[in-house]
Amino acid sequence: MLIPHEERDALARSLPLYLFVFAAFVRRQVFPPDCKML
């Protein structure tokens, strides 16, 4: 499946945002907000 150039550029631009949200979600699962370690 071939992805159009514009769509691929938009995906590449939004990928760091998705990774940041995913990392924040995983961190919240591993370390609860009320954990005093952080």
PDB file of N, CA and C in Angstrom:
ATOM      1  N   MET A   1       0.854  -1.201   0.000  1.00  0.00           N
ATOM      2  CA  MET A   1       0.000   0.000   0.000  1.00  0.00           C
ATOM      3  C   MET A   1       0.883   1.243   0.000  1.00  0.00           C
ATOM      4  N   LEU A   2       0.655   2.091  -0.974  1.00  0.00           N
ATOM      5  CA  LEU A   2       1.485   3.282  -1.146  1.00  0.00           C
ATOM      6  C   LEU A   2       0.827   4.475  -0.472  1.00  0.00           C
ATOM      7  N   ILE A   3       1.593   5.183   0.343  1.00  0.00           N
ATOM      8  CA  ILE A   3       1.071   6.347   1.059  1.00  0.00           C
ATOM      9  C   ILE A   3       1.457   7.611   0.298  1.00  0.00           C
ATOM     10  N   PRO A   4       0.505   8.517   0.049  1.00  0.00           N
ATOM     11  CA  PRO A   4       0.833   9.775  -0.636  1.00  0.00           C
ATOM     12  C   PRO A   4       1.887  10.559   0.122  1.00  0.00           C
ATOM     13  N   HIS A   5       2.636  11.375  -0.609  1.00  0.00           N
ATOM     14  CA  HIS A   5       3.753  12.109  -0.010  1.00  0.00           C
ATOM     15  C   HIS A   5       3.266  13.067   1.084  1.00  0.00           C
ATOM     16  N   GLU A   6       2.170  13.789   0.810  1.00  0.00           N
ATOM     17  CA  GLU A   6       1.670  14.756   1.796  1.00  0.00           C
ATOM     18  C   GLU A   6       1.209  14.038   3.055  1.00  0.00           C
ATOM     19  N   GLU A   7       0.538  12.903   2.862  1.00  0.00           N
ATOM     20  CA  GLU A   7       0.027  12.163   4.021  1.00  0.00           C
ATOM     21  C   GLU A   7       1.184  11.620   4.851  1.00  0.00           C
ATOM     22  N   ARG A   8       2.234  11.166   4.158  1.00  0.00           N
ATOM     23  CA  ARG A   8       3.392  10.641   4.874  1.00  0.00           C
ATOM     24  C   ARG A   8       4.089  11.748   5.654  1.00  0.00           C
ATOM     25  N   ASP A   9       4.175  12.950   5.073  1.00  0.00           N
ATOM     26  CA  ASP A   9       4.801  14.070   5.778  1.00  0.00           C
ATOM     27  C   ASP A   9       3.992  14.452   7.013  1.00  0.00           C
ATOM     28  N   ALA A  10       2.671  14.473   6.881  1.00  0.00           N
ATOM     29  CA  ALA A  10       1.822  14.813   8.019  1.00  0.00           C
ATOM     30  C   ALA A  10       1.963  13.760   9.113  1.00  0.00           C
ATOM     31  N   LEU A  11       2.046  12.498   8.718  1.00  0.00           N
ATOM     32  CA  LEU A  11       2.203  11.423   9.694  1.00  0.00           C
ATOM     33  C   LEU A  11       3.543  11.545  10.404  1.00  0.00           C
ATOM     34  N   ALA A  12       4.595  11.869   9.648  1.00  0.00           N
ATOM     35  CA  ALA A  12       5.917  12.017  10.251  1.00  0.00           C
ATOM     36  C   ALA A  12       5.946  13.201  11.208  1.00  0.00           C
ATOM     37  N   ARG A  13       5.173  14.246  10.906  1.00  0.00           N
ATOM     38  CA  ARG A  13       5.140  15.407  11.800  1.00  0.00           C
ATOM     39  C   ARG A  13       4.376  15.092  13.076  1.00  0.00           C
ATOM     40  N   SER A  14       3.334  14.288  12.985  1.00  0.00           N
ATOM     41  CA  SER A  14       2.496  14.026  14.164  1.00  0.00           C
ATOM     42  C   SER A  14       2.986  12.825  14.960  1.00  0.00           C
ATOM     43  N   LEU A  15       3.953  12.080  14.428  1.00  0.00           N
ATOM     44  CA  LEU A  15       4.420  10.886  15.129  1.00  0.00           C
ATOM     45  C   LEU A  15       5.045  11.197  16.486  1.00  0.00           C
ATOM     46  N   PRO A  16       5.910  12.218  16.625  1.00  0.00           N
ATOM     47  CA  PRO A  16       6.453  12.535  17.956  1.00  0.00           C
ATOM     48  C   PRO A  16       5.363  12.843  18.976  1.00  0.00           C
ATOM     49  N   LEU A  17       4.283  13.495  18.536  1.00  0.00           N
ATOM     50  CA  LEU A  17       3.189  13.801  19.457  1.00  0.00           C
ATOM     51  C   LEU A  17       2.533  12.512  19.948  1.00  0.00           C
ATOM     52  N   TYR A  18       2.302  11.572  19.024  1.00  0.00           N
ATOM     53  CA  TYR A  18       1.718  10.294  19.424  1.00  0.00           C
ATOM     54  C   TYR A  18       2.632   9.550  20.391  1.00  0.00           C
ATOM     55  N   LEU A  19       3.946   9.590  20.115  1.00  0.00           N
ATOM     56  CA  LEU A  19       4.898   8.913  20.998  1.00  0.00           C
ATOM     57  C   LEU A  19       4.896   9.552  22.379  1.00  0.00           C
ATOM     58  N   PHE A  20       4.796  10.889  22.429  1.00  0.00           N
ATOM     59  CA  PHE A  20       4.779  11.588  23.715  1.00  0.00           C
ATOM     60  C   PHE A  20       3.540  11.212  24.518  1.00  0.00           C
ATOM     61  N   VAL A  21       2.386  11.182  23.854  1.00  0.00           N
ATOM     62  CA  VAL A  21       1.142  10.821  24.538  1.00  0.00           C
ATOM     63  C   VAL A  21       1.198   9.370  25.013  1.00  0.00           C
ATOM     64  N   PHE A  22       1.734   8.487  24.163  1.00  0.00           N
ATOM     65  CA  PHE A  22       1.840   7.076  24.540  1.00  0.00           C
ATOM     66  C   PHE A  22       2.786   6.898  25.724  1.00  0.00           C
ATOM     67  N   ALA A  23       3.907   7.626  25.713  1.00  0.00           N
ATOM     68  CA  ALA A  23       4.864   7.526  26.813  1.00  0.00           C
ATOM     69  C   ALA A  23       4.248   8.050  28.111  1.00  0.00           C
ATOM     70  N   ALA A  24       3.491   9.143  28.013  1.00  0.00           N
ATOM     71  CA  ALA A  24       2.848   9.688  29.204  1.00  0.00           C
ATOM     72  C   ALA A  24       1.812   8.695  29.749  1.00  0.00           C
ATOM     73  N   PHE A  25       1.074   8.047  28.846  1.00  0.00           N
ATOM     74  CA  PHE A  25       0.076   7.065  29.272  1.00  0.00           C
ATOM     75  C   PHE A  25       0.742   5.880  29.961  1.00  0.00           C
ATOM     76  N   VAL A  26       1.819   5.370  29.376  1.00  0.00           N
ATOM     77  CA  VAL A  26       2.520   4.224  29.962  1.00  0.00           C
ATOM     78  C   VAL A  26       3.128   4.612  31.303  1.00  0.00           C
ATOM     79  N   ARG A  27       3.700   5.820  31.382  1.00  0.00           N
ATOM     80  CA  ARG A  27       4.309   6.266  32.634  1.00  0.00           C
ATOM     81  C   ARG A  27       3.245   6.372  33.719  1.00  0.00           C
ATOM     82  N   ARG A  28       2.036   6.813  33.358  1.00  0.00           N
ATOM     83  CA  ARG A  28       0.971   6.929  34.350  1.00  0.00           C
ATOM     84  C   ARG A  28       0.524   5.541  34.807  1.00  0.00           C
ATOM     85  N   GLN A  29       0.571   4.558  33.902  1.00  0.00           N
ATOM     86  CA  GLN A  29       0.200   3.198  34.285  1.00  0.00           C
ATOM     87  C   GLN A  29       1.258   2.586  35.199  1.00  0.00           C
ATOM     88  N   VAL A  30       2.535   2.816  34.886  1.00  0.00           N
ATOM     89  CA  VAL A  30       3.614   2.207  35.659  1.00  0.00           C
ATOM     90  C   VAL A  30       3.793   2.935  36.987  1.00  0.00           C
ATOM     91  N   PHE A  31       3.824   4.276  36.933  1.00  0.00           N
ATOM     92  CA  PHE A  31       3.962   5.086  38.146  1.00  0.00           C
ATOM     93  C   PHE A  31       2.671   5.861  38.357  1.00  0.00           C
ATOM     94  N   PRO A  32       1.829   5.464  39.307  1.00  0.00           N
ATOM     95  CA  PRO A  32       0.579   6.185  39.556  1.00  0.00           C
ATOM     96  C   PRO A  32       0.850   7.639  39.931  1.00  0.00           C
ATOM     97  N   PRO A  33      -0.117   8.541  39.693  1.00  0.00           N
ATOM     98  CA  PRO A  33       0.080   9.971  39.990  1.00  0.00           C
ATOM     99  C   PRO A  33       0.395  10.231  41.459  1.00  0.00           C
ATOM    100  N   ASP A  34      -0.097   9.378  42.361  1.00  0.00           N
ATOM    101  CA  ASP A  34       0.137   9.623  43.789  1.00  0.00           C
ATOM    102  C   ASP A  34       1.430   8.971  44.272  1.00  0.00           C
ATOM    103  N   CYS A  35       2.225   8.452  43.341  1.00  0.00           N
ATOM    104  CA  CYS A  35       3.495   7.832  43.725  1.00  0.00           C
ATOM    105  C   CYS A  35       4.505   8.919  44.065  1.00  0.00           C
ATOM    106  N   LYS A  36       5.206   8.760  45.178  1.00  0.00           N
ATOM    107  CA  LYS A  36       6.120   9.806  45.645  1.00  0.00           C
ATOM    108  C   LYS A  36       7.517   9.661  45.048  1.00  0.00           C
ATOM    109  N   MET A  37       7.720   8.656  44.173  1.00  0.00           N
ATOM    110  CA  MET A  37       9.048   8.441  43.603  1.00  0.00           C
ATOM    111  C   MET A  37       9.438   9.555  42.641  1.00  0.00           C
ATOM    112  N   LEU A  38       8.451  10.128  41.958  1.00  0.00           N
ATOM    113  CA  LEU A  38       8.771  11.092  40.899  1.00  0.00           C
ATOM    114  C   LEU A  38       9.072  12.451  41.511  1.00  0.00           C
TER     115      LEU A  38
END
